[in-house]
Amino acid sequence: MSEWTPTTCLRCAVGCGLQQHGEDGRGLVAVRGDPTHPVTRGQACRRGIDETVSGGERVTRPLVRDGGDLVATDWDT
């Protein structure tokens, strides 16, 4: 991911429009409000932005389902 990609914050019921930016080898490095979102027009709360980047539930590596469990794997798999 080397460009800004649109996404949505799911921290609360508002569902703010966000853009995320990643760098090869580093993963997700920045998040900002999406100025093209028709409702939030670039506005987003600090909690949504901070938790999107560093939240404890954020997926940081590829996962595959093995039976009913998610198991870490590598990107090639």
C-alpha atoms as a PDB file:
ATOM      1  CA  MET A   1       0.000   0.000   0.000  1.00  0.00           C
ATOM      2  CA  SER A   2       1.797   3.148  -1.117  1.00  0.00           C
ATOM      3  CA  GLU A   3      -1.115   5.546  -1.640  1.00  0.00           C
ATOM      4  CA  TRP A   4      -4.028   6.849   0.407  1.00  0.00           C
ATOM      5  CA  THR A   5      -6.826   4.257   0.407  1.00  0.00           C
ATOM      6  CA  PRO A   6     -10.421   4.990   1.509  1.00  0.00           C
ATOM      7  CA  THR A   7     -11.791   3.094   4.510  1.00  0.00           C
ATOM      8  CA  THR A   8     -14.343   3.529   7.294  1.00  0.00           C
ATOM      9  CA  CYS A   9     -13.885   3.908  11.035  1.00  0.00           C
ATOM     10  CA  LEU A  10     -15.966   1.369  12.954  1.00  0.00           C
ATOM     11  CA  ARG A  11     -15.247   2.636  16.507  1.00  0.00           C
ATOM     12  CA  CYS A  12     -18.727   4.119  16.929  1.00  0.00           C
ATOM     13  CA  ALA A  13     -22.055   4.363  15.099  1.00  0.00           C
ATOM     14  CA  VAL A  14     -21.048   7.417  13.043  1.00  0.00           C
ATOM     15  CA  GLY A  15     -18.834   5.461  10.602  1.00  0.00           C
ATOM     16  CA  CYS A  16     -16.529   8.329   9.646  1.00  0.00           C
ATOM     17  CA  GLY A  17     -14.853   8.206   6.260  1.00  0.00           C
ATOM     18  CA  LEU A  18     -11.094   7.746   6.609  1.00  0.00           C
ATOM     19  CA  GLN A  19      -8.104   7.399   4.328  1.00  0.00           C
ATOM     20  CA  GLN A  20      -5.215   5.127   5.302  1.00  0.00           C
ATOM     21  CA  HIS A  21      -1.630   5.207   4.080  1.00  0.00           C
ATOM     22  CA  GLY A  22       0.861   2.377   4.242  1.00  0.00           C
ATOM     23  CA  GLU A  23       4.447   1.805   3.252  1.00  0.00           C
ATOM     24  CA  ASP A  24       5.975  -1.422   1.980  1.00  0.00           C
ATOM     25  CA  GLY A  25       7.732  -3.189   4.834  1.00  0.00           C
ATOM     26  CA  ARG A  26       6.131  -0.949   7.470  1.00  0.00           C
ATOM     27  CA  GLY A  27       2.425  -1.574   6.976  1.00  0.00           C
ATOM     28  CA  LEU A  28      -0.129   1.046   7.976  1.00  0.00           C
ATOM     29  CA  VAL A  29       1.631   4.265   8.988  1.00  0.00           C
ATOM     30  CA  ALA A  30      -0.995   7.036   8.845  1.00  0.00           C
ATOM     31  CA  VAL A  31      -4.741   7.655   8.888  1.00  0.00           C
ATOM     32  CA  ARG A  32      -6.664  10.866   8.195  1.00  0.00           C
ATOM     33  CA  GLY A  33     -10.246  11.995   7.625  1.00  0.00           C
ATOM     34  CA  ASP A  34     -11.416  11.457   4.045  1.00  0.00           C
ATOM     35  CA  PRO A  35     -12.243  14.830   2.467  1.00  0.00           C
ATOM     36  CA  THR A  36     -14.229  13.080  -0.305  1.00  0.00           C
ATOM     37  CA  HIS A  37     -16.595  11.298   2.140  1.00  0.00           C
ATOM     38  CA  PRO A  38     -20.108  12.729   1.516  1.00  0.00           C
ATOM     39  CA  VAL A  39     -21.120  12.868   5.202  1.00  0.00           C
ATOM     40  CA  THR A  40     -18.013  13.514   7.325  1.00  0.00           C
ATOM     41  CA  ARG A  41     -16.104  15.529   4.654  1.00  0.00           C
ATOM     42  CA  GLY A  42     -12.655  14.990   6.160  1.00  0.00           C
ATOM     43  CA  GLN A  43     -13.654  15.171   9.819  1.00  0.00           C
ATOM     44  CA  ALA A  44     -12.815  12.310  12.180  1.00  0.00           C
ATOM     45  CA  CYS A  45     -12.328  12.066  15.932  1.00  0.00           C
ATOM     46  CA  ARG A  46      -8.870  11.556  17.394  1.00  0.00           C
ATOM     47  CA  ARG A  47      -9.923   8.237  18.966  1.00  0.00           C
ATOM     48  CA  GLY A  48     -10.919   6.756  15.624  1.00  0.00           C
ATOM     49  CA  ILE A  49      -7.714   7.843  13.936  1.00  0.00           C
ATOM     50  CA  ASP A  50      -5.392   6.744  16.774  1.00  0.00           C
ATOM     51  CA  GLU A  51      -7.082   3.386  17.351  1.00  0.00           C
ATOM     52  CA  THR A  52      -7.153   2.579  13.632  1.00  0.00           C
ATOM     53  CA  VAL A  53      -3.351   2.831  13.519  1.00  0.00           C
ATOM     54  CA  SER A  54      -2.405   1.411  16.928  1.00  0.00           C
ATOM     55  CA  GLY A  55      -5.501  -0.381  18.255  1.00  0.00           C
ATOM     56  CA  GLY A  56      -4.978  -3.707  20.005  1.00  0.00           C
ATOM     57  CA  GLU A  57      -7.482  -5.517  17.762  1.00  0.00           C
ATOM     58  CA  ARG A  58      -5.872  -4.362  14.512  1.00  0.00           C
ATOM     59  CA  VAL A  59      -4.745  -7.195  12.236  1.00  0.00           C
ATOM     60  CA  THR A  60      -1.001  -6.741  11.660  1.00  0.00           C
ATOM     61  CA  ARG A  61      -0.134  -9.955   9.824  1.00  0.00           C
ATOM     62  CA  PRO A  62      -1.887 -12.292   7.399  1.00  0.00           C
ATOM     63  CA  LEU A  63      -4.258 -14.853   8.908  1.00  0.00           C
ATOM     64  CA  VAL A  64      -5.867 -17.989   7.471  1.00  0.00           C
ATOM     65  CA  ARG A  65      -8.761 -19.963   8.869  1.00  0.00           C
ATOM     66  CA  ASP A  66      -7.820 -23.439  10.102  1.00  0.00           C
ATOM     67  CA  GLY A  67     -11.050 -25.112  11.098  1.00  0.00           C
ATOM     68  CA  GLY A  68     -12.669 -22.492  13.324  1.00  0.00           C
ATOM     69  CA  ASP A  69      -9.451 -20.740  14.332  1.00  0.00           C
ATOM     70  CA  LEU A  70      -7.442 -17.957  12.712  1.00  0.00           C
ATOM     71  CA  VAL A  71      -3.768 -18.870  12.398  1.00  0.00           C
ATOM     72  CA  ALA A  72      -0.912 -16.543  11.476  1.00  0.00           C
ATOM     73  CA  THR A  73       0.791 -17.228   8.151  1.00  0.00           C
ATOM     74  CA  ASP A  74       3.084 -15.460   5.699  1.00  0.00           C
ATOM     75  CA  TRP A  75       2.052 -13.159   2.844  1.00  0.00           C
ATOM     76  CA  ASP A  76       2.970 -15.684   0.129  1.00  0.00           C
ATOM     77  CA  THR A  77       0.512 -18.243   1.520  1.00  0.00           C
END
